[in-house]
Amino acid sequence: MTITINQPLSYSHIGQKPNQEDCVYPQAKAATPQHRFFILCDGMGGHSHGEVASRIVCETLGAFFESHPLEDGYLEESLFKQGLSKAYDALDEYDDGESFRKMGTTLAFVCFHRGGCFTAHLGDSRIYQIRPGRGVVFQSIDHSLVNELLQIGEISEEEAVNYPHKNIITRAMQPHLEQRYKAEIHQLTDLQKGDYFFLCSDGVLEQLTNEALVSVLSDNSLSDGQKMKALEEISIGKTHDNFTAWLIGVDQVA
């Protein structure tokens, strides 16, 4: 399978927080259709800690894949796990063990390769595959307390919207863990021309619903840039958390 993509698009805003703890790789202005992988991290742990954790993971994982070309153009799960281990090691090396609140970060990762699209995530940063005219083809499942309660029927979908502890996640990348959390991995093979991949931090989801995401991306009268701007405008001025996203359109699949 040979996959070509359109110009990747990204936005990132601080929202109403005192600092920006979201991070992406590559940098938005440096991204081109030749890039094969994209990373989004949402840091946690208080001022100057979350932003450090997200940056370390983005830069370490990004550098790992820049220096490890895919064998035969295919991303094996074992190679991704090597990169993830390097990122955990980098967090361990930086952390002094004295922080009152241990720093950490979520992770959302996609890579377009000969086998399709490889996705991996930890925490509540989300990955979508949207097919205009059809809707959501794939959506990652948040590693969060509210989602676990929803899955076992303790709360309803309506209650989940305003659940008071929505920000509690059950998996994150942190230093010096006794047992490192594993990423949830999917190999997506059902890709078509016109599909979109949308990665976002949870701040985006304060305002953006699945219905609105599908509606905007299915509007054939808009260019990719106009679609991304419309999605961005849904959050601007209304979102409390940092909010960051990638939009990657599939140009051709052969």
Protein backbone atom coordinates (compact mmCIF):
# COMPACT_ATOMS: atom_id res chain seq x y z
CA MET A 1 0.00 0.00 0.00
CA THR A 2 1.36 3.42 -0.99
CA ILE A 3 -0.20 6.35 0.87
CA THR A 4 0.29 10.00 -0.01
CA ILE A 5 -1.05 12.78 2.19
CA ASN A 6 -2.00 16.40 1.73
CA GLN A 7 -0.29 19.26 3.54
CA PRO A 8 -0.59 18.47 7.27
CA LEU A 9 -2.27 21.22 9.29
CA SER A 10 -2.04 22.03 12.99
CA TYR A 11 -3.18 24.59 15.54
CA SER A 12 -2.20 25.06 19.17
CA HIS A 13 -3.59 27.52 21.73
CA ILE A 14 -2.98 28.12 25.41
CA GLY A 15 -6.69 28.52 26.19
CA GLN A 16 -7.24 29.99 29.66
CA LYS A 17 -4.32 28.14 31.28
CA PRO A 18 -1.21 29.98 32.53
CA ASN A 19 1.15 27.97 30.31
CA GLN A 20 1.13 25.75 27.24
CA GLU A 21 1.68 22.06 28.07
CA ASP A 22 0.71 20.63 24.66
CA CYS A 23 3.46 19.75 22.19
CA VAL A 24 3.58 18.36 18.64
CA TYR A 25 6.15 16.76 16.36
CA PRO A 26 7.11 17.86 13.79
CA GLN A 27 6.69 21.55 14.44
CA ALA A 28 3.58 22.73 12.61
CA LYS A 29 5.45 25.05 10.23
CA ALA A 30 7.96 22.32 9.38
CA ALA A 31 5.39 19.65 8.50
CA THR A 32 5.16 18.61 4.86
CA PRO A 33 3.35 15.89 2.87
CA GLN A 34 6.62 13.94 2.95
CA HIS A 35 6.38 13.41 6.71
CA ARG A 36 5.30 9.91 7.64
CA PHE A 37 4.61 10.23 11.37
CA PHE A 38 2.94 12.77 13.63
CA ILE A 39 2.96 13.12 17.42
CA LEU A 40 0.79 15.04 19.86
CA CYS A 41 1.40 15.15 23.62
CA ASP A 42 -0.52 16.85 26.44
CA GLY A 43 1.62 17.39 29.52
CA MET A 44 0.54 17.33 33.14
CA GLY A 45 2.12 18.00 36.52
CA GLY A 46 1.86 21.71 37.08
CA HIS A 47 3.73 24.74 35.81
CA SER A 48 6.99 23.95 33.96
CA HIS A 49 6.59 20.21 34.50
CA GLY A 50 3.86 19.20 32.04
CA GLU A 51 5.40 21.23 29.26
CA VAL A 52 8.78 19.58 29.90
CA ALA A 53 7.33 16.05 29.84
CA SER A 54 5.40 16.61 26.60
CA ARG A 55 8.43 18.19 24.94
CA ILE A 56 10.77 15.38 26.03
CA VAL A 57 8.48 12.66 24.69
CA CYS A 58 7.78 14.49 21.41
CA GLU A 59 11.43 15.23 20.75
CA THR A 60 12.77 11.83 21.83
CA LEU A 61 10.20 9.79 19.92
CA GLY A 62 10.48 12.11 16.93
CA ALA A 63 14.29 11.83 16.84
CA PHE A 64 14.07 8.05 17.20
CA PHE A 65 11.88 7.63 14.13
CA GLU A 66 13.86 10.19 12.13
CA SER A 67 16.96 8.05 12.72
CA HIS A 68 15.29 4.64 12.24
CA PRO A 69 13.98 4.32 8.65
CA LEU A 70 11.20 1.77 8.38
CA GLU A 71 12.42 -1.58 7.12
CA ASP A 72 10.75 -2.27 3.77
CA GLY A 73 8.53 0.74 4.50
CA TYR A 74 6.58 -1.12 7.20
CA LEU A 75 6.28 -0.06 10.83
CA GLU A 76 6.55 -3.08 13.09
CA GLU A 77 5.09 -2.87 16.59
CA SER A 78 8.47 -3.89 18.01
CA LEU A 79 10.15 -0.81 16.53
CA PHE A 80 7.52 1.49 18.00
CA LYS A 81 8.02 -0.11 21.42
CA GLN A 82 11.75 0.56 21.17
CA GLY A 83 11.03 4.23 20.51
CA LEU A 84 8.53 4.40 23.37
CA SER A 85 11.10 2.86 25.73
CA LYS A 86 13.61 5.53 24.68
CA ALA A 87 11.08 8.23 25.52
CA TYR A 88 10.43 6.72 28.94
CA ASP A 89 14.21 6.57 29.50
CA ALA A 90 14.49 10.26 28.64
CA LEU A 91 11.82 11.12 31.21
CA ASP A 92 13.65 9.04 33.82
CA GLU A 93 16.93 10.80 33.06
CA TYR A 94 15.44 14.29 33.37
CA ASP A 95 13.38 13.77 36.53
CA ASP A 96 15.11 14.61 39.82
CA GLY A 97 12.57 12.76 41.94
CA GLU A 98 11.94 15.85 44.06
CA SER A 99 8.86 17.25 42.35
CA PHE A 100 5.78 17.39 44.53
CA ARG A 101 3.62 16.50 41.55
CA LYS A 102 5.27 14.06 39.20
CA MET A 103 5.34 15.28 35.63
CA GLY A 104 3.78 13.25 32.86
CA THR A 105 2.22 13.37 29.44
CA THR A 106 -0.32 11.73 27.20
CA LEU A 107 0.66 10.50 23.76
CA ALA A 108 -1.09 10.29 20.39
CA PHE A 109 0.99 8.92 17.51
CA VAL A 110 0.19 8.05 13.90
CA CYS A 111 2.48 6.78 11.17
CA PHE A 112 1.59 6.22 7.52
CA HIS A 113 3.48 3.24 6.15
CA ARG A 114 3.22 0.40 3.65
CA GLY A 115 0.75 -1.47 5.86
CA GLY A 116 -1.66 1.45 6.31
CA CYS A 117 -1.76 3.74 9.33
CA PHE A 118 -0.16 2.72 12.63
CA THR A 119 -1.78 4.41 15.66
CA ALA A 120 -0.69 4.39 19.30
CA HIS A 121 -2.00 6.32 22.27
CA LEU A 122 -1.75 6.70 26.03
CA GLY A 123 -4.17 8.82 28.04
CA ASP A 124 -6.97 10.97 26.69
CA SER A 125 -5.39 12.64 23.69
CA ARG A 126 -7.50 11.29 20.88
CA ILE A 127 -7.03 9.92 17.35
CA TYR A 128 -9.83 9.92 14.77
CA GLN A 129 -10.14 8.60 11.24
CA ILE A 130 -13.01 10.40 9.52
CA ARG A 131 -14.45 9.48 6.14
CA PRO A 132 -16.57 12.28 4.63
CA GLY A 133 -20.02 11.00 3.81
CA ARG A 134 -19.66 8.06 6.17
CA GLY A 135 -18.47 9.44 9.52
CA VAL A 136 -16.11 8.07 12.15
CA VAL A 137 -14.17 5.05 10.83
CA PHE A 138 -11.86 4.85 13.85
CA GLN A 139 -11.73 6.57 17.23
CA SER A 140 -9.22 5.83 19.97
CA ILE A 141 -10.63 4.96 23.39
CA ASP A 142 -9.58 7.36 26.15
CA HIS A 143 -7.64 5.94 29.08
CA SER A 144 -9.62 7.93 31.64
CA LEU A 145 -11.67 7.43 34.77
CA VAL A 146 -14.81 8.83 33.20
CA ASN A 147 -14.51 6.47 30.24
CA GLU A 148 -14.01 3.45 32.49
CA LEU A 149 -17.13 4.39 34.48
CA LEU A 150 -19.00 4.82 31.20
CA GLN A 151 -17.86 1.41 29.93
CA ILE A 152 -19.11 -0.43 33.05
CA GLY A 153 -22.40 1.46 33.12
CA GLU A 154 -21.77 3.47 36.29
CA ILE A 155 -22.60 6.70 34.48
CA SER A 156 -24.52 7.54 31.31
CA GLU A 157 -23.16 9.35 28.25
CA GLU A 158 -25.16 12.41 29.33
CA GLU A 159 -23.59 12.30 32.82
CA ALA A 160 -20.13 11.81 31.33
CA VAL A 161 -20.30 15.17 29.57
CA ASN A 162 -20.24 17.11 32.84
CA TYR A 163 -18.59 14.53 35.09
CA PRO A 164 -16.60 16.44 37.77
CA HIS A 165 -13.42 14.35 37.41
CA LYS A 166 -13.12 14.26 33.62
CA ASN A 167 -9.46 15.20 33.79
CA ILE A 168 -8.36 12.04 35.64
CA ILE A 169 -6.53 9.70 33.26
CA THR A 170 -5.62 6.08 33.94
CA ARG A 171 -2.52 5.85 31.73
CA ALA A 172 0.25 8.38 31.15
CA MET A 173 3.95 8.49 30.40
CA GLN A 174 5.74 9.40 33.64
CA PRO A 175 9.29 8.96 34.96
CA HIS A 176 10.38 6.19 37.29
CA LEU A 177 7.25 4.09 37.05
CA GLU A 178 7.48 0.67 38.67
CA GLN A 179 5.68 -0.66 35.60
CA ARG A 180 5.56 1.50 32.50
CA TYR A 181 2.17 1.89 30.88
CA LYS A 182 1.83 0.34 27.46
CA ALA A 183 0.45 2.25 24.52
CA GLU A 184 -2.75 0.99 22.92
CA ILE A 185 -1.81 0.14 19.34
CA HIS A 186 -3.92 -0.32 16.20
CA GLN A 187 -2.89 -1.07 12.63
CA LEU A 188 -5.52 0.55 10.40
CA THR A 189 -5.71 -0.93 6.92
CA ASP A 190 -9.03 0.49 5.64
CA LEU A 191 -7.76 3.76 4.17
CA GLN A 192 -9.31 5.62 1.25
CA LYS A 193 -8.60 8.76 -0.72
CA GLY A 194 -10.32 11.66 1.07
CA ASP A 195 -10.07 10.22 4.59
CA TYR A 196 -8.90 12.53 7.37
CA PHE A 197 -6.85 11.76 10.46
CA PHE A 198 -7.47 14.15 13.34
CA LEU A 199 -5.32 14.09 16.49
CA CYS A 200 -6.24 16.32 19.41
CA SER A 201 -5.57 17.03 23.07
CA ASP A 202 -8.55 16.77 25.41
CA GLY A 203 -8.90 20.55 25.49
CA VAL A 204 -10.22 20.42 21.92
CA LEU A 205 -13.00 18.13 23.10
CA GLU A 206 -14.33 20.68 25.60
CA GLN A 207 -16.25 22.22 22.68
CA LEU A 208 -15.85 19.94 19.65
CA THR A 209 -18.31 17.06 19.32
CA ASN A 210 -17.96 14.08 17.00
CA GLU A 211 -20.99 15.34 15.09
CA ALA A 212 -19.40 18.74 14.49
CA LEU A 213 -16.08 17.17 13.50
CA VAL A 214 -17.72 14.92 10.92
CA SER A 215 -19.92 17.76 9.64
CA VAL A 216 -17.01 20.14 9.04
CA LEU A 217 -14.77 17.53 7.43
CA SER A 218 -17.60 16.36 5.16
CA ASP A 219 -18.24 19.85 3.76
CA ASN A 220 -16.97 19.58 0.19
CA SER A 221 -17.27 23.34 -0.33
CA LEU A 222 -14.35 23.96 2.06
CA SER A 223 -10.62 23.50 1.49
CA ASP A 224 -8.58 21.61 4.09
CA GLY A 225 -7.33 24.92 5.43
CA GLN A 226 -10.87 26.26 5.77
CA LYS A 227 -11.99 23.06 7.48
CA MET A 228 -9.17 23.31 10.01
CA LYS A 229 -9.95 26.97 10.63
CA ALA A 230 -13.62 26.13 11.23
CA LEU A 231 -12.63 23.44 13.76
CA GLU A 232 -10.25 25.85 15.47
CA GLU A 233 -12.93 28.55 15.74
CA ILE A 234 -15.21 26.19 17.66
CA SER A 235 -12.74 26.30 20.59
CA ILE A 236 -11.27 29.82 20.45
CA GLY A 237 -12.47 32.00 23.33
CA LYS A 238 -14.53 29.22 24.88
CA THR A 239 -12.03 26.54 25.95
CA HIS A 240 -10.36 26.56 29.36
CA ASP A 241 -7.62 23.98 28.74
CA ASN A 242 -4.78 24.14 26.22
CA PHE A 243 -6.08 22.89 22.87
CA THR A 244 -3.98 21.47 20.06
CA ALA A 245 -4.73 19.41 16.97
CA TRP A 246 -3.33 17.83 13.80
CA LEU A 247 -5.37 17.38 10.62
CA ILE A 248 -3.89 15.07 7.97
CA GLY A 249 -5.83 14.41 4.79
CA VAL A 250 -5.23 11.28 2.69
CA ASP A 251 -4.53 12.27 -0.90
CA GLN A 252 -4.08 8.88 -2.58
CA VAL A 253 -4.01 5.20 -1.63
CA ALA A 254 -2.52 2.79 -4.16
